[in-house]
Amino acid sequence: MGSAIAKDILESYAKAEFFTKLPEVAEEIKVVTFIAGEGDISTDLLSPGNQGTLSFRQRTSRKCMITPEAQDEIKMLQAQHPDASVMLIAEKGTMGVGSSRMSGVNNVALWTGKQASPYVPFVNIAPIVAGTNGISPIFLTTVDVTGGIGIDLQNWVKKLMKTATLSVMKMVILF
């Protein structure tokens, strides 16, 4: 007999629905930004240590730059703006330099993305990232694979809104 849920998962996996049936991109995406760091943001800093998906190339003693406190700030932004996605930005830098692209994207998706499946925990899709000096092309490709969006902010002008504890930049991205 077996489990109906297990059968559904196996059939979905066999059809590669995790890749072929990604949700449609919305006509309008509201974005609230979170400055993840100043300067270039290495994918190695998005993923190492006990706070990220560990790559075999990384030492466990290293810390992820998105600290538990920063993750709490991201959750607070999500709660304050339930109709918007949180976009991580490299201020005055390039997003996604480094070699740990997939584990970096996976963690960004865990912090800011949408749950991919009701059956599989810790697998999220559709992260939104940006860099004021651009995005590493290979990191951008990896973001795209997850259904995410990467934005080059080199020619954008930002407007800040002050909230209780955070400077928040709101943007509407139309496709």
C-alpha atoms as a PDB file:
ATOM      1  CA  MET A   1       0.000   0.000   0.000  1.00  0.00           C
ATOM      2  CA  GLY A   2       2.471   2.634   1.159  1.00  0.00           C
ATOM      3  CA  SER A   3       2.023   6.257   1.898  1.00  0.00           C
ATOM      4  CA  ALA A   4       0.063   8.469  -0.509  1.00  0.00           C
ATOM      5  CA  ILE A   5       2.285  11.421   0.424  1.00  0.00           C
ATOM      6  CA  ALA A   6       5.475   9.427  -0.236  1.00  0.00           C
ATOM      7  CA  LYS A   7       4.095   8.288  -3.597  1.00  0.00           C
ATOM      8  CA  ASP A   8       3.209  11.891  -4.496  1.00  0.00           C
ATOM      9  CA  ILE A   9       6.703  13.076  -3.571  1.00  0.00           C
ATOM     10  CA  LEU A  10       8.412  10.335  -5.598  1.00  0.00           C
ATOM     11  CA  GLU A  11       6.223  10.941  -8.654  1.00  0.00           C
ATOM     12  CA  SER A  12       6.817  14.694  -8.430  1.00  0.00           C
ATOM     13  CA  TYR A  13      10.574  14.118  -8.132  1.00  0.00           C
ATOM     14  CA  ALA A  14      10.603  11.694 -11.073  1.00  0.00           C
ATOM     15  CA  LYS A  15       8.875  14.342 -13.217  1.00  0.00           C
ATOM     16  CA  ALA A  16      11.427  16.972 -12.036  1.00  0.00           C
ATOM     17  CA  GLU A  17       8.561  19.186 -10.899  1.00  0.00           C
ATOM     18  CA  PHE A  18      10.917  20.824  -8.398  1.00  0.00           C
ATOM     19  CA  PHE A  19      12.420  22.503 -11.483  1.00  0.00           C
ATOM     20  CA  THR A  20       9.725  22.401 -14.159  1.00  0.00           C
ATOM     21  CA  LYS A  21       6.815  23.615 -12.053  1.00  0.00           C
ATOM     22  CA  LEU A  22       8.240  26.664 -10.340  1.00  0.00           C
ATOM     23  CA  PRO A  23       5.557  29.226  -9.573  1.00  0.00           C
ATOM     24  CA  GLU A  24       4.964  32.006 -12.075  1.00  0.00           C
ATOM     25  CA  VAL A  25       6.740  35.289 -11.420  1.00  0.00           C
ATOM     26  CA  ALA A  26       4.226  37.829 -10.158  1.00  0.00           C
ATOM     27  CA  GLU A  27       3.360  40.859 -12.278  1.00  0.00           C
ATOM     28  CA  GLU A  28       4.428  43.106  -9.413  1.00  0.00           C
ATOM     29  CA  ILE A  29       6.835  42.294  -6.604  1.00  0.00           C
ATOM     30  CA  LYS A  30       7.050  44.612  -3.628  1.00  0.00           C
ATOM     31  CA  VAL A  31      10.488  44.632  -2.072  1.00  0.00           C
ATOM     32  CA  VAL A  32      11.807  45.745   1.300  1.00  0.00           C
ATOM     33  CA  THR A  33      15.579  45.825   1.388  1.00  0.00           C
ATOM     34  CA  PHE A  34      18.053  44.625   3.974  1.00  0.00           C
ATOM     35  CA  ILE A  35      21.645  45.817   3.697  1.00  0.00           C
ATOM     36  CA  ALA A  36      23.502  42.559   4.218  1.00  0.00           C
ATOM     37  CA  GLY A  37      26.919  44.201   4.300  1.00  0.00           C
ATOM     38  CA  GLU A  38      29.107  46.976   2.974  1.00  0.00           C
ATOM     39  CA  GLY A  39      31.526  46.085   0.219  1.00  0.00           C
ATOM     40  CA  ASP A  40      31.695  42.868  -1.758  1.00  0.00           C
ATOM     41  CA  ILE A  41      29.715  40.017  -0.236  1.00  0.00           C
ATOM     42  CA  SER A  42      31.355  36.664  -0.720  1.00  0.00           C
ATOM     43  CA  THR A  43      29.194  33.599  -1.038  1.00  0.00           C
ATOM     44  CA  ASP A  44      31.641  32.000   1.400  1.00  0.00           C
ATOM     45  CA  LEU A  45      30.387  34.459   4.042  1.00  0.00           C
ATOM     46  CA  LEU A  46      26.749  33.664   3.287  1.00  0.00           C
ATOM     47  CA  SER A  47      27.145  29.945   3.857  1.00  0.00           C
ATOM     48  CA  PRO A  48      29.853  28.754   6.289  1.00  0.00           C
ATOM     49  CA  GLY A  49      29.829  27.649   9.879  1.00  0.00           C
ATOM     50  CA  ASN A  50      27.071  26.326  12.048  1.00  0.00           C
ATOM     51  CA  GLN A  51      24.637  28.952  10.720  1.00  0.00           C
ATOM     52  CA  GLY A  52      24.654  27.838   7.086  1.00  0.00           C
ATOM     53  CA  THR A  53      24.589  24.905   4.753  1.00  0.00           C
ATOM     54  CA  LEU A  54      28.112  23.616   5.238  1.00  0.00           C
ATOM     55  CA  SER A  55      30.273  23.068   2.193  1.00  0.00           C
ATOM     56  CA  PHE A  56      33.023  20.470   2.430  1.00  0.00           C
ATOM     57  CA  ARG A  57      35.531  23.181   1.475  1.00  0.00           C
ATOM     58  CA  GLN A  58      34.798  25.324   4.485  1.00  0.00           C
ATOM     59  CA  ARG A  59      36.013  25.113   8.047  1.00  0.00           C
ATOM     60  CA  THR A  60      33.327  24.833  10.697  1.00  0.00           C
ATOM     61  CA  SER A  61      34.970  27.526  12.809  1.00  0.00           C
ATOM     62  CA  ARG A  62      34.043  30.315  10.383  1.00  0.00           C
ATOM     63  CA  LYS A  63      30.956  32.402  11.036  1.00  0.00           C
ATOM     64  CA  CYS A  64      28.258  33.380   8.609  1.00  0.00           C
ATOM     65  CA  MET A  65      28.038  37.140   8.041  1.00  0.00           C
ATOM     66  CA  ILE A  66      24.259  37.016   8.431  1.00  0.00           C
ATOM     67  CA  THR A  67      24.291  36.659  12.212  1.00  0.00           C
ATOM     68  CA  PRO A  68      21.356  35.314  14.219  1.00  0.00           C
ATOM     69  CA  GLU A  69      20.591  38.948  15.140  1.00  0.00           C
ATOM     70  CA  ALA A  70      20.523  39.935  11.459  1.00  0.00           C
ATOM     71  CA  GLN A  71      18.287  36.942  10.718  1.00  0.00           C
ATOM     72  CA  ASP A  72      15.938  38.248  13.440  1.00  0.00           C
ATOM     73  CA  GLU A  73      15.942  41.666  11.727  1.00  0.00           C
ATOM     74  CA  ILE A  74      15.036  39.970   8.433  1.00  0.00           C
ATOM     75  CA  LYS A  75      12.167  38.144  10.145  1.00  0.00           C
ATOM     76  CA  MET A  76      11.026  41.461  11.641  1.00  0.00           C
ATOM     77  CA  LEU A  77      11.020  43.070   8.178  1.00  0.00           C
ATOM     78  CA  GLN A  78       8.979  40.139   6.861  1.00  0.00           C
ATOM     79  CA  ALA A  79       6.482  40.558   9.700  1.00  0.00           C
ATOM     80  CA  GLN A  80       6.255  44.340   9.203  1.00  0.00           C
ATOM     81  CA  HIS A  81       5.827  44.000   5.429  1.00  0.00           C
ATOM     82  CA  PRO A  82       3.919  40.734   4.801  1.00  0.00           C
ATOM     83  CA  ASP A  83       3.066  41.789   1.244  1.00  0.00           C
ATOM     84  CA  ALA A  84       6.714  42.312   0.277  1.00  0.00           C
ATOM     85  CA  SER A  85       9.817  40.197  -0.270  1.00  0.00           C
ATOM     86  CA  VAL A  86      13.036  40.998   1.566  1.00  0.00           C
ATOM     87  CA  MET A  87      15.931  41.700  -0.806  1.00  0.00           C
ATOM     88  CA  LEU A  88      19.500  41.366   0.496  1.00  0.00           C
ATOM     89  CA  ILE A  89      21.840  44.085  -0.806  1.00  0.00           C
ATOM     90  CA  ALA A  90      25.602  44.435  -0.953  1.00  0.00           C
ATOM     91  CA  GLU A  91      26.010  48.176  -0.302  1.00  0.00           C
ATOM     92  CA  LYS A  92      28.993  49.690  -2.168  1.00  0.00           C
ATOM     93  CA  GLY A  93      29.901  46.226  -3.369  1.00  0.00           C
ATOM     94  CA  THR A  94      29.248  43.240  -5.582  1.00  0.00           C
ATOM     95  CA  MET A  95      26.875  40.508  -4.415  1.00  0.00           C
ATOM     96  CA  GLY A  96      27.955  36.902  -4.704  1.00  0.00           C
ATOM     97  CA  VAL A  97      31.690  36.841  -5.278  1.00  0.00           C
ATOM     98  CA  GLY A  98      33.295  33.581  -4.181  1.00  0.00           C
ATOM     99  CA  SER A  99      33.025  29.874  -4.768  1.00  0.00           C
ATOM    100  CA  SER A 100      30.193  28.671  -2.517  1.00  0.00           C
ATOM    101  CA  ARG A 101      27.421  29.823  -4.821  1.00  0.00           C
ATOM    102  CA  MET A 102      24.770  27.174  -4.245  1.00  0.00           C
ATOM    103  CA  SER A 103      25.119  26.980  -0.476  1.00  0.00           C
ATOM    104  CA  GLY A 104      25.107  30.798  -0.374  1.00  0.00           C
ATOM    105  CA  VAL A 105      21.946  30.991  -2.502  1.00  0.00           C
ATOM    106  CA  ASN A 106      20.306  28.224  -0.469  1.00  0.00           C
ATOM    107  CA  ASN A 107      20.865  30.162   2.734  1.00  0.00           C
ATOM    108  CA  VAL A 108      19.675  33.473   1.265  1.00  0.00           C
ATOM    109  CA  ALA A 109      16.549  31.619   0.096  1.00  0.00           C
ATOM    110  CA  LEU A 110      16.088  30.150   3.585  1.00  0.00           C
ATOM    111  CA  TRP A 111      16.267  33.626   5.132  1.00  0.00           C
ATOM    112  CA  THR A 112      14.199  35.513   2.555  1.00  0.00           C
ATOM    113  CA  GLY A 113      12.643  33.095   0.046  1.00  0.00           C
ATOM    114  CA  LYS A 114       9.430  31.128  -0.216  1.00  0.00           C
ATOM    115  CA  GLN A 115       8.984  27.521   0.857  1.00  0.00           C
ATOM    116  CA  ALA A 116       9.346  25.290  -2.203  1.00  0.00           C
ATOM    117  CA  SER A 117       7.366  22.295  -0.971  1.00  0.00           C
ATOM    118  CA  PRO A 118       5.042  21.565   1.906  1.00  0.00           C
ATOM    119  CA  TYR A 119       6.865  18.222   2.266  1.00  0.00           C
ATOM    120  CA  VAL A 120      10.512  19.288   2.274  1.00  0.00           C
ATOM    121  CA  PRO A 121      11.721  21.559   5.066  1.00  0.00           C
ATOM    122  CA  PHE A 122      14.671  23.918   4.592  1.00  0.00           C
ATOM    123  CA  VAL A 123      14.299  24.142   0.806  1.00  0.00           C
ATOM    124  CA  ASN A 124      13.172  27.584  -0.260  1.00  0.00           C
ATOM    125  CA  ILE A 125      13.114  29.320  -3.634  1.00  0.00           C
ATOM    126  CA  ALA A 126      12.898  32.800  -5.116  1.00  0.00           C
ATOM    127  CA  PRO A 127      15.447  34.863  -3.182  1.00  0.00           C
ATOM    128  CA  ILE A 128      15.959  38.458  -4.306  1.00  0.00           C
ATOM    129  CA  VAL A 129      19.495  39.874  -4.121  1.00  0.00           C
ATOM    130  CA  ALA A 130      21.224  42.999  -5.348  1.00  0.00           C
ATOM    131  CA  GLY A 131      24.527  44.790  -5.336  1.00  0.00           C
ATOM    132  CA  THR A 132      25.234  48.480  -5.777  1.00  0.00           C
ATOM    133  CA  ASN A 133      28.292  47.443  -7.798  1.00  0.00           C
ATOM    134  CA  GLY A 134      26.455  44.575  -9.489  1.00  0.00           C
ATOM    135  CA  ILE A 135      26.157  40.833  -8.999  1.00  0.00           C
ATOM    136  CA  SER A 136      28.732  38.215  -9.818  1.00  0.00           C
ATOM    137  CA  PRO A 137      27.534  36.638 -13.113  1.00  0.00           C
ATOM    138  CA  ILE A 138      27.904  33.048 -11.936  1.00  0.00           C
ATOM    139  CA  PHE A 139      26.100  33.851  -8.656  1.00  0.00           C
ATOM    140  CA  LEU A 140      23.317  35.471 -10.692  1.00  0.00           C
ATOM    141  CA  THR A 141      22.961  32.270 -12.712  1.00  0.00           C
ATOM    142  CA  THR A 142      22.657  30.281  -9.489  1.00  0.00           C
ATOM    143  CA  VAL A 143      20.024  32.708  -8.161  1.00  0.00           C
ATOM    144  CA  ASP A 144      18.111  32.295 -11.445  1.00  0.00           C
ATOM    145  CA  VAL A 145      18.095  28.490 -11.073  1.00  0.00           C
ATOM    146  CA  THR A 146      16.147  28.859  -7.819  1.00  0.00           C
ATOM    147  CA  GLY A 147      13.565  31.126  -9.450  1.00  0.00           C
ATOM    148  CA  GLY A 148      15.178  34.116  -7.763  1.00  0.00           C
ATOM    149  CA  ILE A 149      15.895  37.611  -9.009  1.00  0.00           C
ATOM    150  CA  GLY A 150      19.232  39.398  -9.034  1.00  0.00           C
ATOM    151  CA  ILE A 151      19.345  43.149  -9.547  1.00  0.00           C
ATOM    152  CA  ASP A 152      22.288  45.338 -10.502  1.00  0.00           C
ATOM    153  CA  LEU A 153      21.797  48.614  -8.610  1.00  0.00           C
ATOM    154  CA  GLN A 154      24.742  50.511 -10.108  1.00  0.00           C
ATOM    155  CA  ASN A 155      22.562  53.226 -11.629  1.00  0.00           C
ATOM    156  CA  TRP A 156      19.752  53.340  -9.068  1.00  0.00           C
ATOM    157  CA  VAL A 157      19.045  56.118  -6.614  1.00  0.00           C
ATOM    158  CA  LYS A 158      17.903  54.984  -3.213  1.00  0.00           C
ATOM    159  CA  LYS A 159      15.402  56.685  -0.946  1.00  0.00           C
ATOM    160  CA  LEU A 160      15.465  55.818   2.731  1.00  0.00           C
ATOM    161  CA  MET A 161      12.462  55.592   5.030  1.00  0.00           C
ATOM    162  CA  LYS A 162      13.262  55.609   8.722  1.00  0.00           C
ATOM    163  CA  THR A 163      11.512  53.010  10.858  1.00  0.00           C
ATOM    164  CA  ALA A 164      11.905  52.462  14.576  1.00  0.00           C
ATOM    165  CA  THR A 165      15.285  50.745  14.319  1.00  0.00           C
ATOM    166  CA  LEU A 166      16.036  50.201  10.656  1.00  0.00           C
ATOM    167  CA  SER A 167      16.633  52.210   7.533  1.00  0.00           C
ATOM    168  CA  VAL A 168      14.400  50.597   4.938  1.00  0.00           C
ATOM    169  CA  MET A 169      14.455  51.186   1.225  1.00  0.00           C
ATOM    170  CA  LYS A 170      11.218  50.297  -0.581  1.00  0.00           C
ATOM    171  CA  MET A 171      11.128  49.574  -4.280  1.00  0.00           C
ATOM    172  CA  VAL A 172       8.541  48.206  -6.650  1.00  0.00           C
ATOM    173  CA  ILE A 173       9.961  46.101  -9.452  1.00  0.00           C
ATOM    174  CA  LEU A 174       7.740  45.703 -12.481  1.00  0.00           C
ATOM    175  CA  PHE A 175       8.290  42.992 -15.084  1.00  0.00           C
END
